[in-house]
Amino acid sequence: MTQLLTQSHNLFDNTPGQQGQDSLFLSLKKLPRRAQQVLLFSRLDNLPYPAIAQRLDISLSCVEKDMHAALEACFPPRTAANSLAMGWYARLQNPATTASERIDFRRWLDSASEHVSAFHDTELRWRQLLAPARVLGVGHWYRKSRLGLRAWLTAGLAVALTLEFISQTL
């Protein structure tokens, strides 16, 4: 029997790298819709925080919090340094970050080699999110806004008024 026909060469088995991508995809799927949108606008459309905030009609701090939440959901921090590194990574992408905050980051980074390692890991993890984000963003659903409560109420009122008008004319 050739190697291609043995049971150990199942073509449908996931490779370890693909299994990791699948778990990242599932982690992204579990995020709230707005956090998914923030991540996808950033990763797929390369939009800066202000543009994301404007499209979703939220504040810059909400964009930053959603980015931090997405990172932590996909890569649960193993240490406090990992959690802080993810927070700094999300914060530094915000153009509203002040010079003093950047100095604070630099001091934090220089204070321990563990911080440098944690921040480097966060950068690598951020890059790993691109492939699962592409899968999640298929069809560009995240670019479409949902009808809010106000829109549904307006549509319902329009239908009610139309029905009332029709009943009065008959």
Protein backbone atom coordinates (compact mmCIF):
# COMPACT_ATOMS: atom_id res chain seq x y z
CA MET A 1 0.00 0.00 0.00
CA THR A 2 1.41 3.42 -0.91
CA GLN A 3 1.74 6.25 1.54
CA LEU A 4 -1.09 8.15 -0.14
CA LEU A 5 -3.53 5.39 0.74
CA THR A 6 -2.56 4.87 4.37
CA GLN A 7 -4.82 6.13 7.14
CA SER A 8 -2.13 8.45 8.48
CA HIS A 9 -2.39 10.62 5.37
CA ASN A 10 -5.94 11.87 5.67
CA LEU A 11 -6.27 14.86 3.35
CA PHE A 12 -9.06 16.32 5.46
CA ASP A 13 -7.16 16.44 8.74
CA ASN A 14 -6.43 19.90 10.03
CA THR A 15 -2.80 20.77 10.41
CA PRO A 16 -1.80 22.28 13.77
CA GLY A 17 -1.51 25.74 12.17
CA GLN A 18 -4.97 25.48 10.66
CA GLN A 19 -6.43 24.32 13.98
CA GLY A 20 -4.98 27.45 15.57
CA GLN A 21 -6.59 29.60 12.88
CA ASP A 22 -9.90 27.81 13.45
CA SER A 23 -9.77 28.51 17.18
CA LEU A 24 -8.97 32.17 16.49
CA PHE A 25 -11.93 32.34 14.10
CA LEU A 26 -14.23 30.86 16.75
CA SER A 27 -12.92 33.36 19.30
CA LEU A 28 -13.67 36.20 16.88
CA LYS A 29 -17.15 34.79 16.22
CA LYS A 30 -17.92 34.93 19.97
CA LEU A 31 -17.16 38.65 20.19
CA PRO A 32 -20.04 41.13 20.25
CA ARG A 33 -20.97 42.47 16.81
CA ARG A 34 -19.48 45.92 17.42
CA ALA A 35 -16.15 44.48 18.59
CA GLN A 36 -16.09 42.31 15.45
CA GLN A 37 -16.77 45.35 13.29
CA VAL A 38 -14.03 47.38 14.97
CA LEU A 39 -11.52 44.59 14.47
CA LEU A 40 -12.53 43.99 10.86
CA PHE A 41 -12.45 47.67 9.93
CA SER A 42 -8.98 47.87 11.41
CA ARG A 43 -7.54 44.60 10.05
CA LEU A 44 -9.25 44.33 6.66
CA ASP A 45 -9.91 47.93 5.68
CA ASN A 46 -6.88 49.42 7.49
CA LEU A 47 -9.06 52.20 8.87
CA PRO A 48 -7.66 54.39 11.66
CA TYR A 49 -9.58 54.68 14.92
CA PRO A 50 -11.25 58.02 14.07
CA ALA A 51 -12.68 56.61 10.82
CA ILE A 52 -13.94 53.50 12.62
CA ALA A 53 -15.50 55.62 15.36
CA GLN A 54 -17.23 57.80 12.76
CA ARG A 55 -18.58 54.83 10.78
CA LEU A 56 -19.94 53.10 13.87
CA ASP A 57 -21.00 56.33 15.59
CA ILE A 58 -19.03 55.57 18.74
CA SER A 59 -16.25 57.30 20.65
CA LEU A 60 -12.54 56.74 20.12
CA SER A 61 -12.29 55.22 23.59
CA CYS A 62 -14.98 52.65 22.66
CA VAL A 63 -12.97 51.69 19.57
CA GLU A 64 -9.88 51.27 21.72
CA LYS A 65 -11.75 49.19 24.33
CA ASP A 66 -13.23 46.95 21.63
CA MET A 67 -9.79 46.39 20.10
CA HIS A 68 -8.35 45.50 23.50
CA ALA A 69 -11.30 43.17 24.17
CA ALA A 70 -10.81 41.46 20.80
CA LEU A 71 -7.13 40.86 21.49
CA GLU A 72 -7.82 39.46 24.95
CA ALA A 73 -10.68 37.28 23.69
CA CYS A 74 -8.47 35.69 21.03
CA PHE A 75 -5.36 35.46 23.15
CA PRO A 76 -6.22 35.23 26.85
CA PRO A 77 -3.33 36.92 28.68
CA ARG A 78 -1.06 34.52 30.51
CA THR A 79 0.45 37.22 32.71
CA ALA A 80 -0.30 40.75 33.82
CA ALA A 81 2.42 41.94 31.43
CA ASN A 82 0.54 40.32 28.50
CA SER A 83 -2.66 42.09 29.47
CA LEU A 84 -0.88 45.43 29.80
CA ALA A 85 0.91 44.89 26.49
CA MET A 86 -2.42 44.31 24.75
CA GLY A 87 -3.79 47.46 26.32
CA TRP A 88 -0.76 49.46 25.21
CA TYR A 89 -0.97 47.98 21.72
CA ALA A 90 -4.61 49.04 21.37
CA ARG A 91 -3.86 52.46 22.92
CA LEU A 92 -0.91 53.24 20.68
CA GLN A 93 -2.98 52.71 17.52
CA ASN A 94 -5.21 55.58 18.63
CA PRO A 95 -4.06 58.89 17.12
CA ALA A 96 -5.41 60.64 20.20
CA THR A 97 -2.61 59.10 22.25
CA THR A 98 -0.68 61.95 23.83
CA ALA A 99 3.07 62.41 23.92
CA SER A 100 3.08 61.82 27.68
CA GLU A 101 1.25 58.52 27.18
CA ARG A 102 3.85 57.47 24.64
CA ILE A 103 6.57 58.36 27.14
CA ASP A 104 4.74 56.31 29.80
CA PHE A 105 4.63 53.40 27.37
CA ARG A 106 8.35 53.70 26.69
CA ARG A 107 9.06 53.73 30.44
CA TRP A 108 6.85 50.67 30.92
CA LEU A 109 8.57 48.89 28.04
CA ASP A 110 12.06 49.69 29.34
CA SER A 111 11.29 48.74 32.94
CA ALA A 112 11.43 44.95 32.38
CA SER A 113 12.51 42.54 29.68
CA GLU A 114 9.24 40.69 30.30
CA HIS A 115 7.41 43.80 29.02
CA VAL A 116 9.40 43.84 25.79
CA SER A 117 8.67 40.17 25.26
CA ALA A 118 4.95 40.61 26.04
CA PHE A 119 4.64 43.53 23.63
CA HIS A 120 6.47 41.60 20.91
CA ASP A 121 4.12 38.65 21.46
CA THR A 122 1.15 41.00 21.14
CA GLU A 123 2.44 42.30 17.81
CA LEU A 124 2.86 38.75 16.53
CA ARG A 125 -0.62 37.82 17.73
CA TRP A 126 -2.07 40.86 16.01
CA ARG A 127 -0.61 39.63 12.74
CA GLN A 128 -2.09 36.16 13.33
CA LEU A 129 -5.58 37.67 13.37
CA LEU A 130 -5.49 38.64 9.69
CA ALA A 131 -6.40 35.22 8.24
CA PRO A 132 -9.33 34.53 10.62
CA ALA A 133 -10.50 38.12 10.15
CA ARG A 134 -10.61 37.57 6.39
CA VAL A 135 -12.81 34.52 6.91
CA LEU A 136 -15.07 36.36 9.36
CA GLY A 137 -15.36 39.38 7.06
CA VAL A 138 -16.49 37.45 3.98
CA GLY A 139 -19.25 39.37 2.23
CA HIS A 140 -18.25 42.62 3.96
CA TRP A 141 -21.23 42.31 6.33
CA TYR A 142 -19.42 44.46 8.88
CA ARG A 143 -19.65 47.50 6.57
CA LYS A 144 -23.45 47.40 6.55
CA SER A 145 -25.21 49.15 9.36
CA ARG A 146 -28.06 47.56 11.22
CA LEU A 147 -31.39 49.24 11.37
CA GLY A 148 -31.67 50.75 14.80
CA LEU A 149 -34.75 50.98 16.96
CA ARG A 150 -35.51 54.45 15.63
CA ALA A 151 -35.49 53.18 12.03
CA TRP A 152 -37.85 50.31 12.90
CA LEU A 153 -40.20 52.66 14.75
CA THR A 154 -40.20 55.07 11.82
CA ALA A 155 -40.92 52.25 9.37
CA GLY A 156 -43.71 50.93 11.59
CA LEU A 157 -45.24 54.38 11.91
CA ALA A 158 -45.09 54.83 8.13
CA VAL A 159 -46.86 51.51 7.58
CA ALA A 160 -49.49 52.36 10.20
CA LEU A 161 -50.15 55.76 8.63
CA THR A 162 -50.38 54.21 5.17
CA LEU A 163 -52.87 51.61 6.39
CA GLU A 164 -54.91 54.31 8.15
CA PHE A 165 -54.95 56.43 5.01
CA ILE A 166 -56.05 53.45 2.89
CA SER A 167 -58.83 52.53 5.33
CA GLN A 168 -60.17 56.11 5.32
CA THR A 169 -60.27 56.30 1.53
CA LEU A 170 -62.29 53.09 1.26
